[in-house]
Amino acid sequence: MRRVLILFCTAALLYLSVSYWYLPNSPYAQYSLQTLSSSLLQPIGRTNRVFHGFWESFHDIKNWFSYRSTLHERLKKLEETEVELVQVKLELTASQKYLKQLEPLTNFQTPSGFNRVTVQVYGSPTGFYDAQLITAAPENITIKKDDIAVSAKGLVGRVTESSNRVLRIMLITDMASRIPIKVLETGENAIIVGNGTSTMFLEHLQSREMITNSYKRPPKVGDVLVTSGVGEIFPPDIPVGVVAAIKDEEITVKPFVTFHTCEIVSILYGHVAS
């Protein structure tokens, strides 16, 4: 009997707790679990909504910073690309200018009054103080001291020693080398001085030494240099090199010829003055 009473009370409590959902207008609605717990659940729900809104705001802020960082990286890459494009444009402009300047020199012909013979290069004893090429002397041809050596790209140097078997050619980069040249763009005369390395220096510019020539602009990087013919050793208009760098008063010249790869050279000989 006691157990039956306990089961009856439990069933009654369950009935009263769920009566609100199953029996419309139930007189026991105020005793339902929803009604009893609503005062507790409402603050929890509000708190949950507040935290949910805060969490969404946190994600929005995080996404904004992430997007801002991505935009900053893209902007930085675009700026770097712009700098590279500007540099490429400058290099392209310089190359176009360079090619235009070299156009009249591409068909280098044997200067008037000279004969021409091609010889094989056998050695290049280049030291700190000198830069030379050794070639075999051509048969049945007389090569003299100060005859000119050239290649398809430009001036190589001049003969300093000639025998029946060997020709010794002093390169234009030799420390003892002095080449009278002119700046192709301005017509200004100067001297190229070798320094025993793969580059040379430009000295004795007219615009620096003569006030009367001050109207000529100074040399610029990319200016082409050719022989001037002054001194009557080197014939005029042979390509020599290009202005590679200008720092303070020092002007560096890069020769057109790559000497350590020279396998053949041409000797201009038998000059007859006109």
C-alpha atoms as a PDB file:
ATOM      1  CA  MET A   1       0.000   0.000   0.000  1.00  0.00           C
ATOM      2  CA  ARG A   2       2.793   2.316   0.859  1.00  0.00           C
ATOM      3  CA  ARG A   3       4.488   1.724  -2.457  1.00  0.00           C
ATOM      4  CA  VAL A   4       1.278   2.376  -4.315  1.00  0.00           C
ATOM      5  CA  LEU A   5       0.885   5.730  -2.538  1.00  0.00           C
ATOM      6  CA  ILE A   6       4.426   6.756  -3.467  1.00  0.00           C
ATOM      7  CA  LEU A   7       3.848   5.839  -7.112  1.00  0.00           C
ATOM      8  CA  PHE A   8       0.541   7.783  -7.098  1.00  0.00           C
ATOM      9  CA  CYS A   9       2.171  10.931  -5.715  1.00  0.00           C
ATOM     10  CA  THR A  10       4.978  10.710  -8.228  1.00  0.00           C
ATOM     11  CA  ALA A  11       2.504  10.364 -11.092  1.00  0.00           C
ATOM     12  CA  ALA A  12       0.532  13.348  -9.765  1.00  0.00           C
ATOM     13  CA  LEU A  13       3.650  15.505  -9.667  1.00  0.00           C
ATOM     14  CA  LEU A  14       4.561  14.507 -13.212  1.00  0.00           C
ATOM     15  CA  TYR A  15       1.044  15.292 -14.323  1.00  0.00           C
ATOM     16  CA  LEU A  16       1.130  18.713 -12.705  1.00  0.00           C
ATOM     17  CA  SER A  17       4.577  19.483 -14.203  1.00  0.00           C
ATOM     18  CA  VAL A  18       3.553  18.705 -17.791  1.00  0.00           C
ATOM     19  CA  SER A  19      -0.066  19.779 -17.600  1.00  0.00           C
ATOM     20  CA  TYR A  20       0.792  23.203 -19.075  1.00  0.00           C
ATOM     21  CA  TRP A  21       1.899  21.714 -22.365  1.00  0.00           C
ATOM     22  CA  TYR A  22      -0.807  19.069 -22.769  1.00  0.00           C
ATOM     23  CA  LEU A  23      -3.919  20.642 -21.249  1.00  0.00           C
ATOM     24  CA  PRO A  24      -4.781  24.109 -22.523  1.00  0.00           C
ATOM     25  CA  ASN A  25      -6.087  26.461 -19.812  1.00  0.00           C
ATOM     26  CA  SER A  26      -4.981  24.019 -17.136  1.00  0.00           C
ATOM     27  CA  PRO A  27      -5.648  25.302 -13.566  1.00  0.00           C
ATOM     28  CA  TYR A  28      -2.299  23.886 -12.556  1.00  0.00           C
ATOM     29  CA  ALA A  29      -0.257  25.753 -15.110  1.00  0.00           C
ATOM     30  CA  GLN A  30       1.454  27.797 -12.440  1.00  0.00           C
ATOM     31  CA  TYR A  31       2.952  24.611 -11.062  1.00  0.00           C
ATOM     32  CA  SER A  32       4.534  23.498 -14.381  1.00  0.00           C
ATOM     33  CA  LEU A  33       8.288  23.194 -14.696  1.00  0.00           C
ATOM     34  CA  GLN A  34       8.450  25.887 -17.398  1.00  0.00           C
ATOM     35  CA  THR A  35       6.653  28.382 -15.179  1.00  0.00           C
ATOM     36  CA  LEU A  36       8.759  27.547 -12.168  1.00  0.00           C
ATOM     37  CA  SER A  37      12.037  27.698 -14.100  1.00  0.00           C
ATOM     38  CA  SER A  38      11.292  30.676 -16.334  1.00  0.00           C
ATOM     39  CA  SER A  39      12.577  33.183 -13.774  1.00  0.00           C
ATOM     40  CA  LEU A  40      15.897  31.328 -13.807  1.00  0.00           C
ATOM     41  CA  LEU A  41      16.081  30.520 -17.513  1.00  0.00           C
ATOM     42  CA  GLN A  42      15.378  34.058 -18.750  1.00  0.00           C
ATOM     43  CA  PRO A  43      18.527  35.622 -17.191  1.00  0.00           C
ATOM     44  CA  ILE A  44      20.553  32.661 -18.452  1.00  0.00           C
ATOM     45  CA  GLY A  45      19.131  33.151 -21.953  1.00  0.00           C
ATOM     46  CA  ARG A  46      19.894  36.859 -21.898  1.00  0.00           C
ATOM     47  CA  THR A  47      23.425  36.158 -20.709  1.00  0.00           C
ATOM     48  CA  ASN A  48      23.848  33.581 -23.441  1.00  0.00           C
ATOM     49  CA  ARG A  49      22.660  36.072 -26.076  1.00  0.00           C
ATOM     50  CA  VAL A  50      25.069  38.694 -24.725  1.00  0.00           C
ATOM     51  CA  PHE A  51      27.982  36.261 -24.882  1.00  0.00           C
ATOM     52  CA  HIS A  52      26.900  35.102 -28.330  1.00  0.00           C
ATOM     53  CA  GLY A  53      26.805  38.717 -29.552  1.00  0.00           C
ATOM     54  CA  PHE A  54      30.212  39.375 -27.978  1.00  0.00           C
ATOM     55  CA  TRP A  55      31.636  36.268 -29.650  1.00  0.00           C
ATOM     56  CA  GLU A  56      30.280  37.344 -33.046  1.00  0.00           C
ATOM     57  CA  SER A  57      31.742  40.832 -32.543  1.00  0.00           C
ATOM     58  CA  PHE A  58      35.090  39.286 -31.591  1.00  0.00           C
ATOM     59  CA  HIS A  59      35.061  37.210 -34.787  1.00  0.00           C
ATOM     60  CA  ASP A  60      34.135  40.286 -36.843  1.00  0.00           C
ATOM     61  CA  ILE A  61      37.044  42.246 -35.341  1.00  0.00           C
ATOM     62  CA  LYS A  62      39.419  39.300 -35.865  1.00  0.00           C
ATOM     63  CA  ASN A  63      38.309  38.955 -39.493  1.00  0.00           C
ATOM     64  CA  TRP A  64      38.704  42.695 -40.016  1.00  0.00           C
ATOM     65  CA  PHE A  65      42.292  42.659 -38.745  1.00  0.00           C
ATOM     66  CA  SER A  66      43.055  39.572 -40.843  1.00  0.00           C
ATOM     67  CA  TYR A  67      41.587  41.223 -43.950  1.00  0.00           C
ATOM     68  CA  ARG A  68      43.463  44.432 -43.178  1.00  0.00           C
ATOM     69  CA  SER A  69      46.755  42.491 -42.867  1.00  0.00           C
ATOM     70  CA  THR A  70      46.045  40.731 -46.176  1.00  0.00           C
ATOM     71  CA  LEU A  71      45.333  44.052 -47.874  1.00  0.00           C
ATOM     72  CA  HIS A  72      48.535  45.508 -46.432  1.00  0.00           C
ATOM     73  CA  GLU A  73      50.590  42.594 -47.798  1.00  0.00           C
ATOM     74  CA  ARG A  74      48.951  42.907 -51.216  1.00  0.00           C
ATOM     75  CA  LEU A  75      49.581  46.650 -51.244  1.00  0.00           C
ATOM     76  CA  LYS A  76      53.235  46.066 -50.325  1.00  0.00           C
ATOM     77  CA  LYS A  77      53.606  43.516 -53.140  1.00  0.00           C
ATOM     78  CA  LEU A  78      51.974  45.943 -55.578  1.00  0.00           C
ATOM     79  CA  GLU A  79      54.400  48.683 -54.512  1.00  0.00           C
ATOM     80  CA  GLU A  80      57.358  46.297 -54.990  1.00  0.00           C
ATOM     81  CA  THR A  81      56.013  45.287 -58.400  1.00  0.00           C
ATOM     82  CA  GLU A  82      55.628  48.949 -59.334  1.00  0.00           C
ATOM     83  CA  VAL A  83      59.250  49.633 -58.367  1.00  0.00           C
ATOM     84  CA  GLU A  84      60.390  46.626 -60.426  1.00  0.00           C
ATOM     85  CA  LEU A  85      58.340  47.796 -63.415  1.00  0.00           C
ATOM     86  CA  VAL A  86      59.840  51.285 -63.180  1.00  0.00           C
ATOM     87  CA  GLN A  87      63.333  49.748 -63.079  1.00  0.00           C
ATOM     88  CA  VAL A  88      62.537  47.505 -66.046  1.00  0.00           C
ATOM     89  CA  LYS A  89      61.203  50.511 -67.941  1.00  0.00           C
ATOM     90  CA  LEU A  90      64.393  52.468 -67.248  1.00  0.00           C
ATOM     91  CA  GLU A  91      66.551  49.518 -68.311  1.00  0.00           C
ATOM     92  CA  LEU A  92      64.452  49.055 -71.467  1.00  0.00           C
ATOM     93  CA  THR A  93      64.767  52.751 -72.309  1.00  0.00           C
ATOM     94  CA  ALA A  94      68.537  52.593 -71.764  1.00  0.00           C
ATOM     95  CA  SER A  95      68.776  49.451 -73.905  1.00  0.00           C
ATOM     96  CA  GLN A  96      66.780  51.047 -76.711  1.00  0.00           C
ATOM     97  CA  LYS A  97      69.029  54.083 -76.580  1.00  0.00           C
ATOM     98  CA  TYR A  98      72.081  51.869 -76.507  1.00  0.00           C
ATOM     99  CA  LEU A  99      70.926  49.846 -79.541  1.00  0.00           C
ATOM    100  CA  LYS A 100      70.049  52.997 -81.437  1.00  0.00           C
ATOM    101  CA  GLN A 101      73.503  54.392 -80.782  1.00  0.00           C
ATOM    102  CA  LEU A 102      75.174  51.157 -81.890  1.00  0.00           C
ATOM    103  CA  GLU A 103      73.111  50.829 -85.053  1.00  0.00           C
ATOM    104  CA  PRO A 104      75.497  52.809 -87.264  1.00  0.00           C
ATOM    105  CA  LEU A 105      78.424  50.772 -85.876  1.00  0.00           C
ATOM    106  CA  THR A 106      77.038  47.279 -86.459  1.00  0.00           C
ATOM    107  CA  ASN A 107      78.484  47.041 -89.956  1.00  0.00           C
ATOM    108  CA  PHE A 108      82.074  47.702 -88.932  1.00  0.00           C
ATOM    109  CA  GLN A 109      84.211  47.814 -92.039  1.00  0.00           C
ATOM    110  CA  THR A 110      87.955  47.778 -92.465  1.00  0.00           C
ATOM    111  CA  PRO A 111      89.059  51.432 -92.290  1.00  0.00           C
ATOM    112  CA  SER A 112      90.273  53.031 -95.461  1.00  0.00           C
ATOM    113  CA  GLY A 113      93.986  52.486 -96.108  1.00  0.00           C
ATOM    114  CA  PHE A 114      94.246  49.305 -93.994  1.00  0.00           C
ATOM    115  CA  ASN A 115      94.553  45.625 -94.837  1.00  0.00           C
ATOM    116  CA  ARG A 116      92.982  43.011 -92.591  1.00  0.00           C
ATOM    117  CA  VAL A 117      94.019  39.506 -91.523  1.00  0.00           C
ATOM    118  CA  THR A 118      92.467  37.152 -88.959  1.00  0.00           C
ATOM    119  CA  VAL A 119      94.659  35.270 -86.490  1.00  0.00           C
ATOM    120  CA  GLN A 120      94.072  32.679 -83.771  1.00  0.00           C
ATOM    121  CA  VAL A 121      94.510  33.581 -80.093  1.00  0.00           C
ATOM    122  CA  TYR A 122      96.782  31.149 -78.220  1.00  0.00           C
ATOM    123  CA  GLY A 123      97.172  32.720 -74.830  1.00  0.00           C
ATOM    124  CA  SER A 124      96.191  35.574 -72.577  1.00  0.00           C
ATOM    125  CA  PRO A 125      98.904  36.268 -69.984  1.00  0.00           C
ATOM    126  CA  THR A 126      96.916  38.810 -67.983  1.00  0.00           C
ATOM    127  CA  GLY A 127      98.534  40.071 -64.806  1.00  0.00           C
ATOM    128  CA  PHE A 128      97.952  42.891 -62.363  1.00  0.00           C
ATOM    129  CA  TYR A 129     100.044  45.373 -64.338  1.00  0.00           C
ATOM    130  CA  ASP A 130      99.478  44.197 -67.875  1.00  0.00           C
ATOM    131  CA  ALA A 131      96.824  42.639 -70.092  1.00  0.00           C
ATOM    132  CA  GLN A 132      97.947  40.957 -73.298  1.00  0.00           C
ATOM    133  CA  LEU A 133      97.023  38.433 -75.955  1.00  0.00           C
ATOM    134  CA  ILE A 134      99.425  36.089 -77.706  1.00  0.00           C
ATOM    135  CA  THR A 135      98.659  35.086 -81.300  1.00  0.00           C
ATOM    136  CA  ALA A 136     100.463  33.312 -84.119  1.00  0.00           C
ATOM    137  CA  ALA A 137     101.995  35.572 -86.731  1.00  0.00           C
ATOM    138  CA  PRO A 138     100.357  35.137 -90.155  1.00  0.00           C
ATOM    139  CA  GLU A 139     102.498  33.717 -92.938  1.00  0.00           C
ATOM    140  CA  ASN A 140     103.794  35.941 -95.743  1.00  0.00           C
ATOM    141  CA  ILE A 141     102.387  39.054 -94.067  1.00  0.00           C
ATOM    142  CA  THR A 142     104.447  41.669 -92.292  1.00  0.00           C
ATOM    143  CA  ILE A 143     102.884  42.849 -89.048  1.00  0.00           C
ATOM    144  CA  LYS A 144     104.511  45.824 -87.388  1.00  0.00           C
ATOM    145  CA  LYS A 145     104.449  47.351 -83.956  1.00  0.00           C
ATOM    146  CA  ASP A 146     101.363  49.533 -83.316  1.00  0.00           C
ATOM    147  CA  ASP A 147      99.231  47.714 -85.894  1.00  0.00           C
ATOM    148  CA  ILE A 148      95.656  47.535 -84.596  1.00  0.00           C
ATOM    149  CA  ALA A 149      93.822  44.471 -83.274  1.00  0.00           C
ATOM    150  CA  VAL A 150      90.012  44.394 -83.486  1.00  0.00           C
ATOM    151  CA  SER A 151      87.175  41.889 -83.148  1.00  0.00           C
ATOM    152  CA  ALA A 152      83.603  41.818 -84.372  1.00  0.00           C
ATOM    153  CA  LYS A 153      82.572  43.770 -81.241  1.00  0.00           C
ATOM    154  CA  GLY A 154      85.204  46.497 -81.320  1.00  0.00           C
ATOM    155  CA  LEU A 155      88.732  47.515 -80.441  1.00  0.00           C
ATOM    156  CA  VAL A 156      90.984  44.891 -78.816  1.00  0.00           C
ATOM    157  CA  GLY A 157      94.333  46.664 -78.620  1.00  0.00           C
ATOM    158  CA  ARG A 158      97.558  47.187 -80.561  1.00  0.00           C
ATOM    159  CA  VAL A 159     100.581  45.079 -81.443  1.00  0.00           C
ATOM    160  CA  THR A 160     103.546  45.689 -79.136  1.00  0.00           C
ATOM    161  CA  GLU A 161     105.810  42.855 -80.324  1.00  0.00           C
ATOM    162  CA  SER A 162     105.989  41.124 -83.686  1.00  0.00           C
ATOM    163  CA  SER A 163     108.215  38.253 -84.790  1.00  0.00           C
ATOM    164  CA  ASN A 164     108.103  35.540 -87.404  1.00  0.00           C
ATOM    165  CA  ARG A 165     106.154  33.294 -85.056  1.00  0.00           C
ATOM    166  CA  VAL A 166     104.369  35.328 -82.393  1.00  0.00           C
ATOM    167  CA  LEU A 167     102.392  38.544 -82.075  1.00  0.00           C
ATOM    168  CA  ARG A 168     101.986  40.146 -78.664  1.00  0.00           C
ATOM    169  CA  ILE A 169      98.951  42.422 -78.404  1.00  0.00           C
ATOM    170  CA  MET A 170      98.530  44.912 -75.579  1.00  0.00           C
ATOM    171  CA  LEU A 171      94.855  45.074 -74.657  1.00  0.00           C
ATOM    172  CA  ILE A 172      93.083  48.379 -74.194  1.00  0.00           C
ATOM    173  CA  THR A 173      92.659  47.455 -70.494  1.00  0.00           C
ATOM    174  CA  ASP A 174      96.432  47.289 -69.923  1.00  0.00           C
ATOM    175  CA  MET A 175      97.727  49.834 -67.411  1.00  0.00           C
ATOM    176  CA  ALA A 176     100.006  51.295 -70.093  1.00  0.00           C
ATOM    177  CA  SER A 177      97.156  51.675 -72.583  1.00  0.00           C
ATOM    178  CA  ARG A 178      95.947  55.138 -73.619  1.00  0.00           C
ATOM    179  CA  ILE A 179      93.189  55.351 -76.259  1.00  0.00           C
ATOM    180  CA  PRO A 180      92.046  58.699 -77.749  1.00  0.00           C
ATOM    181  CA  ILE A 181      88.277  58.474 -78.006  1.00  0.00           C
ATOM    182  CA  LYS A 182      85.205  60.612 -78.531  1.00  0.00           C
ATOM    183  CA  VAL A 183      81.791  60.412 -76.913  1.00  0.00           C
ATOM    184  CA  LEU A 184      79.432  59.413 -79.695  1.00  0.00           C
ATOM    185  CA  GLU A 185      76.497  61.433 -78.351  1.00  0.00           C
ATOM    186  CA  THR A 186      78.347  64.741 -77.846  1.00  0.00           C
ATOM    187  CA  GLY A 187      81.452  64.466 -80.006  1.00  0.00           C
ATOM    188  CA  GLU A 188      83.585  65.351 -76.995  1.00  0.00           C
ATOM    189  CA  ASN A 189      87.183  64.081 -77.051  1.00  0.00           C
ATOM    190  CA  ALA A 190      88.820  62.303 -74.126  1.00  0.00           C
ATOM    191  CA  ILE A 191      91.302  59.564 -73.249  1.00  0.00           C
ATOM    192  CA  ILE A 192      90.505  56.049 -72.031  1.00  0.00           C
ATOM    193  CA  VAL A 193      93.080  54.755 -69.549  1.00  0.00           C
ATOM    194  CA  GLY A 194      93.493  51.058 -68.755  1.00  0.00           C
ATOM    195  CA  ASN A 195      93.871  49.904 -65.165  1.00  0.00           C
ATOM    196  CA  GLY A 196      94.782  46.221 -65.541  1.00  0.00           C
ATOM    197  CA  THR A 197      91.238  44.986 -64.824  1.00  0.00           C
ATOM    198  CA  SER A 198      88.190  44.316 -66.954  1.00  0.00           C
ATOM    199  CA  THR A 199      87.237  47.999 -66.892  1.00  0.00           C
ATOM    200  CA  MET A 200      88.869  51.314 -67.802  1.00  0.00           C
ATOM    201  CA  PHE A 201      88.633  54.965 -66.837  1.00  0.00           C
ATOM    202  CA  LEU A 202      87.679  58.007 -68.858  1.00  0.00           C
ATOM    203  CA  GLU A 203      90.017  60.987 -68.360  1.00  0.00           C
ATOM    204  CA  HIS A 204      90.997  64.325 -69.899  1.00  0.00           C
ATOM    205  CA  LEU A 205      87.494  65.305 -70.955  1.00  0.00           C
ATOM    206  CA  GLN A 206      87.365  68.543 -72.918  1.00  0.00           C
ATOM    207  CA  SER A 207      84.367  69.800 -70.974  1.00  0.00           C
ATOM    208  CA  ARG A 208      86.384  69.530 -67.755  1.00  0.00           C
ATOM    209  CA  GLU A 209      89.598  71.055 -69.035  1.00  0.00           C
ATOM    210  CA  MET A 210      88.433  73.791 -71.421  1.00  0.00           C
ATOM    211  CA  ILE A 211      85.998  76.522 -70.471  1.00  0.00           C
ATOM    212  CA  THR A 212      85.182  77.090 -74.150  1.00  0.00           C
ATOM    213  CA  ASN A 213      83.629  73.600 -74.304  1.00  0.00           C
ATOM    214  CA  SER A 214      81.408  74.065 -71.275  1.00  0.00           C
ATOM    215  CA  TYR A 215      78.351  73.919 -73.537  1.00  0.00           C
ATOM    216  CA  LYS A 216      78.829  70.184 -73.906  1.00  0.00           C
ATOM    217  CA  ARG A 217      76.949  68.123 -71.387  1.00  0.00           C
ATOM    218  CA  PRO A 218      79.004  65.760 -69.196  1.00  0.00           C
ATOM    219  CA  PRO A 219      79.023  62.050 -70.074  1.00  0.00           C
ATOM    220  CA  LYS A 220      76.157  59.898 -68.857  1.00  0.00           C
ATOM    221  CA  VAL A 221      75.857  56.196 -68.108  1.00  0.00           C
ATOM    222  CA  GLY A 222      75.159  54.422 -71.385  1.00  0.00           C
ATOM    223  CA  ASP A 223      77.099  56.825 -73.604  1.00  0.00           C
ATOM    224  CA  VAL A 224      78.994  55.002 -76.352  1.00  0.00           C
ATOM    225  CA  LEU A 225      82.704  55.640 -76.880  1.00  0.00           C
ATOM    226  CA  VAL A 226      84.553  55.215 -80.200  1.00  0.00           C
ATOM    227  CA  THR A 227      88.088  55.963 -81.320  1.00  0.00           C
ATOM    228  CA  SER A 228      88.603  59.569 -82.333  1.00  0.00           C
ATOM    229  CA  GLY A 229      91.559  59.089 -84.679  1.00  0.00           C
ATOM    230  CA  VAL A 230      93.646  61.615 -82.731  1.00  0.00           C
ATOM    231  CA  GLY A 231      97.304  60.576 -82.613  1.00  0.00           C
ATOM    232  CA  GLU A 232      97.062  58.680 -85.911  1.00  0.00           C
ATOM    233  CA  ILE A 233      97.563  55.257 -84.295  1.00  0.00           C
ATOM    234  CA  PHE A 234      93.961  54.115 -83.995  1.00  0.00           C
ATOM    235  CA  PRO A 235      91.701  54.822 -86.968  1.00  0.00           C
ATOM    236  CA  PRO A 236      88.500  56.724 -86.095  1.00  0.00           C
ATOM    237  CA  ASP A 237      85.060  55.338 -85.299  1.00  0.00           C
ATOM    238  CA  ILE A 238      86.054  51.906 -83.959  1.00  0.00           C
ATOM    239  CA  PRO A 239      83.703  50.942 -81.074  1.00  0.00           C
ATOM    240  CA  VAL A 240      85.587  50.892 -77.768  1.00  0.00           C
ATOM    241  CA  GLY A 241      83.157  50.716 -74.860  1.00  0.00           C
ATOM    242  CA  VAL A 242      80.303  52.267 -72.942  1.00  0.00           C
ATOM    243  CA  VAL A 243      80.157  54.451 -69.839  1.00  0.00           C
ATOM    244  CA  ALA A 244      79.232  51.957 -67.105  1.00  0.00           C
ATOM    245  CA  ALA A 245      79.320  54.078 -63.934  1.00  0.00           C
ATOM    246  CA  ILE A 246      79.986  57.628 -62.744  1.00  0.00           C
ATOM    247  CA  LYS A 247      81.029  58.246 -59.156  1.00  0.00           C
ATOM    248  CA  ASP A 248      82.252  61.668 -58.111  1.00  0.00           C
ATOM    249  CA  GLU A 249      85.031  62.482 -60.598  1.00  0.00           C
ATOM    250  CA  GLU A 250      85.639  58.859 -61.654  1.00  0.00           C
ATOM    251  CA  ILE A 251      84.039  57.604 -64.873  1.00  0.00           C
ATOM    252  CA  THR A 252      84.209  53.839 -65.398  1.00  0.00           C
ATOM    253  CA  VAL A 253      84.139  52.399 -68.916  1.00  0.00           C
ATOM    254  CA  LYS A 254      83.190  48.842 -69.834  1.00  0.00           C
ATOM    255  CA  PRO A 255      84.747  47.606 -73.098  1.00  0.00           C
ATOM    256  CA  PHE A 256      82.559  45.983 -75.739  1.00  0.00           C
ATOM    257  CA  VAL A 257      85.006  43.100 -76.159  1.00  0.00           C
ATOM    258  CA  THR A 258      85.115  40.280 -73.591  1.00  0.00           C
ATOM    259  CA  PHE A 259      88.841  39.542 -73.764  1.00  0.00           C
ATOM    260  CA  HIS A 260      89.005  36.249 -71.872  1.00  0.00           C
ATOM    261  CA  THR A 261      86.662  34.669 -74.442  1.00  0.00           C
ATOM    262  CA  CYS A 262      88.498  35.970 -77.509  1.00  0.00           C
ATOM    263  CA  GLU A 263      89.486  33.097 -79.790  1.00  0.00           C
ATOM    264  CA  ILE A 264      90.258  35.059 -82.945  1.00  0.00           C
ATOM    265  CA  VAL A 265      91.167  38.677 -83.657  1.00  0.00           C
ATOM    266  CA  SER A 266      91.724  40.690 -86.773  1.00  0.00           C
ATOM    267  CA  ILE A 267      94.889  42.692 -87.332  1.00  0.00           C
ATOM    268  CA  LEU A 268      94.633  45.926 -89.293  1.00  0.00           C
ATOM    269  CA  TYR A 269      98.011  46.378 -91.004  1.00  0.00           C
ATOM    270  CA  GLY A 270      99.791  48.010 -93.938  1.00  0.00           C
ATOM    271  CA  HIS A 271      98.292  51.422 -93.310  1.00  0.00           C
ATOM    272  CA  VAL A 272      99.004  53.894 -96.062  1.00  0.00           C
ATOM    273  CA  ALA A 273      98.359  57.523 -95.185  1.00  0.00           C
ATOM    274  CA  SER A 274      96.019  59.184 -97.625  1.00  0.00           C
END
